[in-house]
Structures are given as C-alpha cells and as structure tokens.
Amino acid sequence: MHLEINSRLAPSTVGADRGFQEVAPNGGDALAVTILGPRYQQRRVLESWIEFGSGWRSLPAAPRGAPSLKTTSPGAKMKTLRTPDDCFVDLPDYAFEPHYVEVSDGDGGTLRMHYVEAGPADGEVVLCLHGEPSWSFLYRKMLPLFAAAGFRAVAPDLVGFGRSDKPVERTDYSYQRHLDWLQAWLDAVNLTKITLVCQDWGGLLGLRLVAAEPDRFARVVVANTALPTGDQPMPEAFAAWKKFSQETPKFDIGNIIQGATVTELSDEVVAAYDAPYPDDRYKAGARQFPTLVPVTPDDPAAQPNREAWGVLRSWTKPMLTAFSDSDPIMRGGDKVFQKLVPGTAGQPHTTIEGGGHFLQEDQGEVLADVVIQFMQATPLA
C-alpha cells in the first residue's frame, strides 16, 4: 500500500482495508490524500489529523465510494477525484484493457484521461465519442465488431466521466475546456485518418474537432447529435431534460440512461453506468453538461459553433446520418446535416428502428454494422 500526503499533513495510521479522505485545515484549502492499495470494498475510515493553529482536528469518515483523490501539481487550483479501480471490476461485456493519457487541466495541473480500444494497431481508426451522462461503456457492443472487421476502434472517456479524472467543481467545466481536453488527448494518442462516430455531446465536441482539423478526419457518422448555435429554439424535450438535470435532488445516471432507451436494461447494466460515480461528488461534470449547450445566440460557444458550421458547409468527405426512431430530443436533426453538409450527398442515410437516445445501447450491433458498411463503401483514397 502507498500513502501520499501533503507536507502539511500530520502522520496517519493506515490500515490495509482503509479508504482515504480529502482533508482541510480549519478555514483552509483542502489537502488531498492519496492511498493506492487493495480493494476498497469495506470503505473504512482513514483517520487524519491536520496541524493548524493551536490544535488538531479529526476528520469524519470518508463516505461510501471514497475516491482515489489525485494530488494536483504544486500551485494547481483544480481539485479532482479519481474513481477507484474496484468500481470497474466485472462490468458486463466490458473487459477492455484501460489506457491513460495525461493532459493539461488548463489550471496549472494535469488530468488523466482514460480510453479503451480494440482491433489491430494498424487498422483504420474508428473514434467513438460518448455524450451525457454516459461513458465508454456505451460502446461495449460496438468495439468488438469494429475490431472483427479489421478496424482499430478507440473510445475515450470525457473528463468528468468514466475512468477519466473528475474535477469536483462545476465551474471547472466549460464547453471550451472540454474541447481543449479532448484535443490534447487526441494529439497525445496521435490518431489520424479518423472515422468519427459521435452521439449526443460526442457530436458537440467531435464536430468541433472536425472543423478545427478537417485533414485529420476521413469520414463522419452523426447519430442523435447536433451542433447548436443558439440561433434556433431547442426542442421542448431538451428544456425538460435540462430542468430535470438541474433540479432533481437525486441524479441517478444509470436510471437516466434507462429512461432514454427503448429496451429494458438489466440491473447489472444500469449499475455499470453508475459505476464511475460512487456518490454525488463525482457527478459535477454530468450535472454541468446540460447547462453548457448553447441555447442563446450570445452563448460563449455560439459563435465558435457558427464558425465550425462554416467549415462543415464545405465538408465534401463522406458523412452519414444514423439517427434512431425514438429520440424526442434529436428527432429530425439528421435532416439538418443532410441539407447543409455536402459530404452527405448520395450516402445511405438510415433511421435505426428500436433505438432511443442512446441507440448504442438499444441497437449497438445494428449501428456498428451501419458504420462498417459505410466505411467499406467509402475506401480511403
């Protein structure tokens, strides 16, 4: 077992079955304690004492699901949580090896971003971007099919989601920061000639990356997503979702996924969507995402998205729409892409039946087959 403490932290007694705690001197800033060791199933108390002023103070027990707190770089302001590895043990159909990349947090420290991949290292790249409030588990049905077809399928977890680090303050998240983090990850992994598969926020971010680096991408598959500029009203279903996301006292991510799918999910699958978020402290990113969608013309992301549409309006490489038939939020969004993006002309656009908003969950195998056929029909030059 390894204990990493800040220099102002007094010595602590650490048992082999204990958790950890973020600690703070009275009135002071929090100091992170990191314990790396065996499974955290018992979630017991790490007793820590802080020397501050004239005395010591004992902190309460860390709650169930206590995170592996990442000590940020000296001088860094952003505080983050890291979900314990034990939370990801034995998830259904998700036996992928974890991979990690460190990216700048934009605040003087670093963040660890997680991704999984399947298929030959020299295969054509299929980049699968998830949205809100899911994580790369959403693509577990699709990655093996891409690999079997000879493609290299890669699915990252956005910052704040899955096995990636999670800033604890909602104000740490912005549209631009998500773009910066994802761009830094993309640069580090060095993917090129990419076929992008994007859904929900995977499109709001992925399409911006396409516009910023069009030469890096070979094809795009848009599925239940959009690139809003705030110039048109959003669907009432989105307004209802945004209101719910900000007002509900209990933000159960697994149940949210279930509510936006057509099929009945098993308890194990619902629990897997919950796995990265042992308690509400981990959900700052998921809570904040709905507020970052540009819904007014003066939103900070509105003009950058308009400029991105300027690039997409001249995009002539293959773009396919594969929306589902039972998504009240994104219904009809495929027609926008077909009208505005030249690369959609002549492509076999499809509406996937029996799919809700998270069509990867409802009809993942069908969507994967659509993508594979699209790639095979549009070989790289």
Protein backbone atom coordinates (compact mmCIF):
# COMPACT_ATOMS: atom_id res chain seq x y z
CA MET A 1 0.00 0.00 0.00
CA HIS A 2 1.16 3.52 -0.77
CA LEU A 3 0.20 6.69 1.08
CA GLU A 4 0.90 10.06 -0.47
CA ILE A 5 0.32 13.07 1.76
CA ASN A 6 0.73 16.81 1.54
CA SER A 7 3.63 18.25 3.53
CA ARG A 8 1.23 19.94 5.98
CA LEU A 9 -0.47 16.70 6.87
CA ALA A 10 0.49 15.00 10.10
CA PRO A 11 1.42 11.29 10.15
CA SER A 12 -1.56 8.95 9.80
CA THR A 13 -2.36 5.42 10.72
CA VAL A 14 -3.36 3.48 7.64
CA GLY A 15 -4.86 0.00 7.78
CA ALA A 16 -4.75 -2.35 4.84
CA ASP A 17 -8.50 -2.19 4.47
CA ARG A 18 -8.95 1.54 4.86
CA GLY A 19 -10.17 4.20 2.46
CA PHE A 20 -8.95 7.77 2.25
CA GLN A 21 -10.16 11.28 2.89
CA GLU A 22 -9.71 14.74 1.47
CA VAL A 23 -8.77 16.87 4.45
CA ALA A 24 -8.70 20.57 5.15
CA PRO A 25 -7.37 22.73 7.96
CA ASN A 26 -9.97 24.84 9.73
CA GLY A 27 -10.86 27.57 7.29
CA GLY A 28 -8.14 26.48 4.89
CA ASP A 29 -7.94 24.88 1.49
CA ALA A 30 -8.41 21.17 1.11
CA LEU A 31 -5.36 18.95 1.00
CA ALA A 32 -5.52 15.76 -0.97
CA VAL A 33 -4.53 12.39 0.45
CA THR A 34 -4.00 9.56 -2.00
CA ILE A 35 -3.93 5.91 -0.97
CA LEU A 36 -3.19 3.27 -3.53
CA GLY A 37 -3.76 -0.23 -2.30
CA PRO A 38 -6.11 -3.22 -2.23
CA ARG A 39 -9.83 -3.26 -2.84
CA TYR A 40 -11.94 -0.61 -1.22
CA GLN A 41 -14.97 -2.72 -0.51
CA GLN A 42 -15.09 -2.03 3.23
CA ARG A 43 -14.67 1.72 2.81
CA ARG A 44 -13.38 2.20 6.33
CA VAL A 45 -12.17 5.39 7.91
CA LEU A 46 -8.75 6.88 7.34
CA GLU A 47 -8.03 8.89 10.47
CA SER A 48 -6.14 12.02 9.54
CA TRP A 49 -5.15 14.95 11.62
CA ILE A 50 -4.33 18.46 10.49
CA GLU A 51 -1.95 20.70 12.37
CA PHE A 52 -3.49 24.12 12.20
CA GLY A 53 -3.12 26.90 14.73
CA SER A 54 -3.03 25.56 18.25
CA GLY A 55 -4.56 22.14 17.87
CA TRP A 56 -5.56 19.08 15.92
CA ARG A 57 -8.86 18.15 14.41
CA SER A 58 -10.07 14.68 13.49
CA LEU A 59 -12.00 14.40 10.24
CA PRO A 60 -15.14 12.32 9.67
CA ALA A 61 -15.12 9.08 7.80
CA ALA A 62 -14.94 9.20 4.04
CA PRO A 63 -18.32 8.30 2.58
CA ARG A 64 -19.02 5.07 0.75
CA GLY A 65 -17.33 5.08 -2.62
CA ALA A 66 -14.46 7.19 -1.41
CA PRO A 67 -12.36 8.21 -4.40
CA SER A 68 -8.71 7.84 -5.11
CA LEU A 69 -8.03 11.55 -4.85
CA LYS A 70 -5.37 12.82 -7.21
CA THR A 71 -2.91 15.23 -5.67
CA THR A 72 -2.65 18.07 -8.14
CA SER A 73 0.60 19.67 -9.21
CA PRO A 74 2.13 22.32 -6.92
CA GLY A 75 0.25 25.57 -7.31
CA ALA A 76 -2.64 23.95 -9.14
CA LYS A 77 -6.13 25.08 -8.15
CA MET A 78 -8.31 22.41 -9.72
CA LYS A 79 -9.27 19.61 -7.35
CA THR A 80 -10.18 16.29 -8.86
CA LEU A 81 -11.50 12.88 -7.94
CA ARG A 82 -10.42 9.58 -9.43
CA THR A 83 -12.84 6.68 -9.24
CA PRO A 84 -11.24 3.62 -7.59
CA ASP A 85 -10.38 0.81 -9.98
CA ASP A 86 -12.51 -1.58 -7.93
CA CYS A 87 -15.63 0.17 -9.19
CA PHE A 88 -14.93 -1.20 -12.66
CA VAL A 89 -14.41 -4.85 -11.79
CA ASP A 90 -16.60 -7.42 -13.58
CA LEU A 91 -18.73 -4.98 -15.57
CA PRO A 92 -20.81 -6.85 -18.16
CA ASP A 93 -19.13 -7.17 -21.57
CA TYR A 94 -16.53 -4.55 -20.69
CA ALA A 95 -13.29 -6.49 -20.37
CA PHE A 96 -11.19 -3.89 -22.20
CA GLU A 97 -7.69 -3.01 -21.06
CA PRO A 98 -7.61 0.55 -19.68
CA HIS A 99 -5.31 3.07 -21.32
CA TYR A 100 -4.44 6.51 -19.95
CA VAL A 101 -3.08 9.84 -21.16
CA GLU A 102 -2.21 12.89 -19.07
CA VAL A 103 -3.48 16.23 -20.37
CA SER A 104 -3.21 19.76 -19.01
CA ASP A 105 -6.19 20.76 -16.90
CA GLY A 106 -5.77 24.38 -18.00
CA ASP A 107 -5.30 25.41 -14.37
CA GLY A 108 -1.68 24.52 -13.69
CA GLY A 109 -2.13 20.79 -13.18
CA THR A 110 -2.89 17.67 -15.17
CA LEU A 111 -5.83 15.34 -15.69
CA ARG A 112 -5.72 11.65 -16.50
CA MET A 113 -7.97 10.70 -19.42
CA HIS A 114 -8.97 7.10 -19.94
CA TYR A 115 -9.70 5.28 -23.17
CA VAL A 116 -10.22 1.75 -24.41
CA GLU A 117 -9.53 0.28 -27.80
CA ALA A 118 -10.00 -2.89 -29.78
CA GLY A 119 -8.65 -4.15 -33.09
CA PRO A 120 -5.33 -4.09 -34.91
CA ALA A 121 -3.00 -1.19 -34.15
CA ASP A 122 -2.56 -0.51 -37.86
CA GLY A 123 -6.26 -0.66 -38.70
CA GLU A 124 -8.30 2.29 -39.87
CA VAL A 125 -9.33 4.30 -36.84
CA VAL A 126 -12.93 4.48 -35.65
CA LEU A 127 -13.20 7.13 -32.93
CA CYS A 128 -16.30 6.63 -30.77
CA LEU A 129 -17.30 9.64 -28.68
CA HIS A 130 -19.91 9.32 -25.96
CA GLY A 131 -22.11 12.03 -24.56
CA GLU A 132 -24.09 12.93 -21.45
CA PRO A 133 -24.23 11.26 -18.93
CA SER A 134 -22.76 8.06 -20.38
CA TRP A 135 -19.16 6.89 -20.75
CA SER A 136 -17.21 4.50 -22.96
CA PHE A 137 -19.21 1.56 -21.57
CA LEU A 138 -21.87 2.74 -24.03
CA TYR A 139 -19.76 1.43 -26.93
CA ARG A 140 -19.00 -2.01 -25.49
CA LYS A 141 -21.25 -3.79 -28.03
CA MET A 142 -19.72 -1.98 -30.99
CA LEU A 143 -15.97 -2.07 -30.35
CA PRO A 144 -15.57 -5.84 -30.87
CA LEU A 145 -17.50 -5.68 -34.14
CA PHE A 146 -15.25 -2.91 -35.46
CA ALA A 147 -12.23 -4.96 -34.41
CA ALA A 148 -13.56 -8.06 -36.16
CA ALA A 149 -13.90 -6.02 -39.35
CA GLY A 150 -10.22 -5.09 -39.15
CA PHE A 151 -10.63 -1.57 -37.77
CA ARG A 152 -8.97 0.00 -34.75
CA ALA A 153 -11.82 1.20 -32.53
CA VAL A 154 -10.99 3.77 -29.85
CA ALA A 155 -13.39 5.12 -27.21
CA PRO A 156 -12.25 7.71 -24.66
CA ASP A 157 -13.99 8.83 -21.50
CA LEU A 158 -14.50 12.58 -21.45
CA VAL A 159 -13.11 14.40 -18.44
CA GLY A 160 -15.63 14.02 -15.62
CA PHE A 161 -16.90 10.68 -16.92
CA GLY A 162 -15.99 7.00 -16.78
CA ARG A 163 -12.45 6.29 -15.63
CA SER A 164 -11.18 9.75 -16.50
CA ASP A 165 -10.42 12.23 -13.73
CA LYS A 166 -13.31 14.29 -12.41
CA PRO A 167 -12.89 17.93 -11.39
CA VAL A 168 -15.08 18.46 -8.35
CA GLU A 169 -16.29 21.99 -9.02
CA ARG A 170 -18.96 22.51 -11.64
CA THR A 171 -17.30 25.79 -12.60
CA ASP A 172 -14.24 23.80 -13.70
CA TYR A 173 -16.25 22.59 -16.71
CA SER A 174 -16.90 24.60 -19.84
CA TYR A 175 -17.53 23.80 -23.49
CA GLN A 176 -14.10 25.16 -24.40
CA ARG A 177 -12.31 23.26 -21.67
CA HIS A 178 -13.91 20.00 -22.79
CA LEU A 179 -12.68 20.76 -26.30
CA ASP A 180 -9.19 21.57 -25.06
CA TRP A 181 -9.02 18.37 -23.00
CA LEU A 182 -10.28 16.21 -25.86
CA GLN A 183 -7.96 17.88 -28.36
CA ALA A 184 -4.99 17.30 -26.05
CA TRP A 185 -5.97 13.64 -25.71
CA LEU A 186 -6.31 13.30 -29.49
CA ASP A 187 -2.88 14.84 -30.00
CA ALA A 188 -1.33 12.54 -27.41
CA VAL A 189 -2.84 9.38 -28.88
CA ASN A 190 -1.97 10.70 -32.36
CA LEU A 191 -4.94 9.39 -34.28
CA THR A 192 -5.24 10.20 -37.98
CA LYS A 193 -7.49 9.29 -40.92
CA ILE A 194 -10.28 9.02 -38.40
CA THR A 195 -13.83 7.87 -38.94
CA LEU A 196 -15.72 9.73 -36.23
CA VAL A 197 -18.80 8.14 -34.67
CA CYS A 198 -20.47 10.70 -32.44
CA GLN A 199 -23.66 10.85 -30.39
CA ASP A 200 -25.06 13.48 -28.02
CA TRP A 201 -22.17 15.61 -26.65
CA GLY A 202 -19.85 13.40 -28.68
CA GLY A 203 -21.11 15.42 -31.65
CA LEU A 204 -21.00 18.82 -29.96
CA LEU A 205 -17.34 18.15 -29.27
CA GLY A 206 -16.36 15.85 -32.12
CA LEU A 207 -17.77 18.05 -34.88
CA ARG A 208 -15.82 20.98 -33.48
CA LEU A 209 -12.66 18.87 -33.72
CA VAL A 210 -13.53 18.00 -37.32
CA ALA A 211 -13.93 21.70 -38.13
CA ALA A 212 -10.65 22.56 -36.41
CA GLU A 213 -8.65 19.78 -38.11
CA PRO A 214 -10.55 18.56 -41.17
CA ASP A 215 -7.46 16.85 -42.59
CA ARG A 216 -7.32 14.58 -39.56
CA PHE A 217 -10.72 13.05 -40.29
CA ALA A 218 -11.70 10.83 -43.20
CA ARG A 219 -15.41 10.23 -42.52
CA VAL A 220 -18.08 11.21 -40.03
CA VAL A 221 -21.09 9.30 -38.72
CA VAL A 222 -23.52 11.50 -36.80
CA ALA A 223 -26.02 9.70 -34.57
CA ASN A 224 -28.55 11.51 -32.39
CA THR A 225 -26.48 14.66 -32.09
CA ALA A 226 -26.31 18.27 -33.21
CA LEU A 227 -24.08 21.33 -33.30
CA PRO A 228 -26.32 24.06 -31.86
CA THR A 229 -25.55 27.76 -32.21
CA GLY A 230 -28.35 29.19 -30.10
CA ASP A 231 -29.92 30.76 -33.18
CA GLN A 232 -32.80 28.29 -33.27
CA PRO A 233 -35.00 27.17 -30.37
CA MET A 234 -34.14 23.86 -28.79
CA PRO A 235 -36.78 21.10 -28.61
CA GLU A 236 -39.08 21.15 -25.60
CA ALA A 237 -37.71 17.73 -24.67
CA PHE A 238 -34.27 19.27 -24.18
CA ALA A 239 -35.67 22.06 -21.99
CA ALA A 240 -37.39 19.43 -19.86
CA TRP A 241 -34.16 17.41 -19.59
CA LYS A 242 -32.14 20.50 -18.66
CA LYS A 243 -34.63 21.47 -15.96
CA PHE A 244 -34.64 17.95 -14.55
CA SER A 245 -30.83 17.74 -14.57
CA GLN A 246 -30.50 20.91 -12.53
CA GLU A 247 -33.38 20.44 -10.11
CA THR A 248 -33.61 16.76 -9.28
CA PRO A 249 -32.09 16.06 -5.86
CA LYS A 250 -31.01 12.59 -6.96
CA PHE A 251 -29.07 12.33 -10.21
CA ASP A 252 -29.09 8.58 -10.86
CA ILE A 253 -27.08 8.15 -14.03
CA GLY A 254 -27.96 4.50 -14.64
CA ASN A 255 -31.65 5.28 -14.38
CA ILE A 256 -31.24 8.29 -16.67
CA ILE A 257 -29.72 6.01 -19.31
CA GLN A 258 -32.59 3.57 -18.82
CA GLY A 259 -35.09 6.40 -19.26
CA ALA A 260 -33.59 7.32 -22.62
CA THR A 261 -33.51 3.81 -24.05
CA VAL A 262 -36.25 1.66 -25.55
CA THR A 263 -35.06 -1.69 -24.26
CA GLU A 264 -35.25 -2.82 -20.63
CA LEU A 265 -31.73 -2.78 -19.20
CA SER A 266 -30.58 -5.40 -16.73
CA ASP A 267 -29.73 -4.36 -13.19
CA GLU A 268 -26.09 -5.16 -13.97
CA VAL A 269 -26.03 -2.78 -16.95
CA VAL A 270 -27.72 0.02 -15.01
CA ALA A 271 -25.19 -0.48 -12.22
CA ALA A 272 -22.34 -0.35 -14.75
CA TYR A 273 -23.44 3.08 -15.94
CA ASP A 274 -23.42 4.15 -12.28
CA ALA A 275 -20.02 2.57 -11.59
CA PRO A 276 -17.84 5.66 -12.19
CA TYR A 277 -19.90 7.75 -9.75
CA PRO A 278 -19.89 6.28 -6.23
CA ASP A 279 -21.53 9.45 -4.88
CA ASP A 280 -22.65 12.90 -5.98
CA ARG A 281 -19.17 14.43 -5.70
CA TYR A 282 -18.23 12.59 -8.88
CA LYS A 283 -21.16 13.94 -10.88
CA ALA A 284 -20.17 17.59 -11.28
CA GLY A 285 -19.37 17.08 -14.95
CA ALA A 286 -22.60 15.24 -15.65
CA ARG A 287 -24.63 17.85 -13.80
CA GLN A 288 -22.96 20.71 -15.64
CA PHE A 289 -23.10 19.39 -19.22
CA PRO A 290 -26.75 20.33 -19.92
CA THR A 291 -26.03 23.94 -18.96
CA LEU A 292 -23.18 24.16 -21.48
CA VAL A 293 -25.34 23.55 -24.56
CA PRO A 294 -25.62 26.88 -26.46
CA VAL A 295 -29.30 27.84 -26.30
CA THR A 296 -28.97 31.60 -26.90
CA PRO A 297 -27.16 33.49 -29.69
CA ASP A 298 -24.82 35.18 -27.19
CA ASP A 299 -23.68 31.96 -25.51
CA PRO A 300 -19.85 31.77 -25.35
CA ALA A 301 -19.91 28.69 -27.61
CA ALA A 302 -22.42 30.09 -30.11
CA GLN A 303 -20.01 31.96 -32.38
CA PRO A 304 -17.35 29.19 -32.39
CA ASN A 305 -20.09 26.73 -33.37
CA ARG A 306 -21.22 29.03 -36.19
CA GLU A 307 -17.65 29.11 -37.44
CA ALA A 308 -17.49 25.32 -37.23
CA TRP A 309 -20.64 25.13 -39.35
CA GLY A 310 -18.81 27.31 -41.87
CA VAL A 311 -16.26 24.53 -42.25
CA LEU A 312 -18.87 21.75 -42.27
CA ARG A 313 -20.79 23.50 -45.05
CA SER A 314 -17.78 22.88 -47.27
CA TRP A 315 -17.05 19.35 -45.99
CA THR A 316 -17.05 17.02 -49.00
CA LYS A 317 -15.69 13.88 -47.39
CA PRO A 318 -18.26 11.17 -46.60
CA MET A 319 -20.72 11.97 -43.82
CA LEU A 320 -23.52 9.58 -42.84
CA THR A 321 -26.50 10.24 -40.60
CA ALA A 322 -27.69 7.30 -38.47
CA PHE A 323 -30.32 8.66 -36.11
CA SER A 324 -32.83 6.49 -34.26
CA ASP A 325 -36.60 6.43 -34.45
CA SER A 326 -37.37 7.05 -30.77
CA ASP A 327 -35.33 10.04 -29.65
CA PRO A 328 -37.56 13.03 -28.81
CA ILE A 329 -34.62 15.38 -28.30
CA MET A 330 -32.72 14.78 -31.55
CA ARG A 331 -35.61 13.80 -33.82
CA GLY A 332 -35.22 15.48 -37.22
CA GLY A 333 -31.66 16.58 -36.60
CA ASP A 334 -30.39 14.30 -39.33
CA LYS A 335 -32.16 16.45 -41.94
CA VAL A 336 -30.08 19.46 -40.90
CA PHE A 337 -26.84 17.66 -41.67
CA GLN A 338 -28.20 16.25 -44.92
CA LYS A 339 -29.22 19.74 -46.04
CA LEU A 340 -26.10 21.65 -45.03
CA VAL A 341 -23.12 19.28 -45.39
CA PRO A 342 -22.07 18.44 -48.98
CA GLY A 343 -20.44 15.19 -47.87
CA THR A 344 -23.85 13.73 -47.02
CA ALA A 345 -24.93 13.70 -50.68
CA GLY A 346 -25.54 10.24 -52.06
CA GLN A 347 -24.84 8.45 -48.76
CA PRO A 348 -27.12 5.67 -47.48
CA HIS A 349 -28.58 7.58 -44.55
CA THR A 350 -30.59 5.44 -42.20
CA THR A 351 -33.05 5.65 -39.35
CA ILE A 352 -32.33 2.87 -36.88
CA GLU A 353 -35.53 1.31 -35.58
CA GLY A 354 -35.98 0.37 -31.97
CA GLY A 355 -33.50 2.88 -30.69
CA GLY A 356 -33.90 5.63 -28.11
CA HIS A 357 -31.50 8.48 -27.48
CA PHE A 358 -28.76 6.02 -26.53
CA LEU A 359 -29.04 3.94 -29.66
CA GLN A 360 -25.65 2.36 -28.96
CA GLU A 361 -27.31 0.65 -26.00
CA ASP A 362 -30.55 -0.24 -27.76
CA GLN A 363 -29.16 -1.14 -31.18
CA GLY A 364 -25.38 -1.13 -30.85
CA GLU A 365 -24.82 -4.07 -33.16
CA VAL A 366 -27.04 -2.52 -35.84
CA LEU A 367 -25.28 0.83 -35.61
CA ALA A 368 -21.87 -0.87 -35.78
CA ASP A 369 -22.91 -2.72 -38.94
CA VAL A 370 -24.11 0.55 -40.49
CA VAL A 371 -20.74 2.15 -39.77
CA ILE A 372 -18.78 -0.84 -41.08
CA GLN A 373 -20.72 -0.93 -44.34
CA PHE A 374 -20.30 2.83 -44.71
CA MET A 375 -16.53 2.59 -44.27
CA GLN A 376 -16.21 -0.32 -46.65
CA ALA A 377 -18.24 1.53 -49.30
CA THR A 378 -16.07 4.68 -49.00
CA PRO A 379 -12.46 3.43 -49.02
CA LEU A 380 -9.68 5.84 -48.19
CA ALA A 381 -8.07 7.46 -51.18
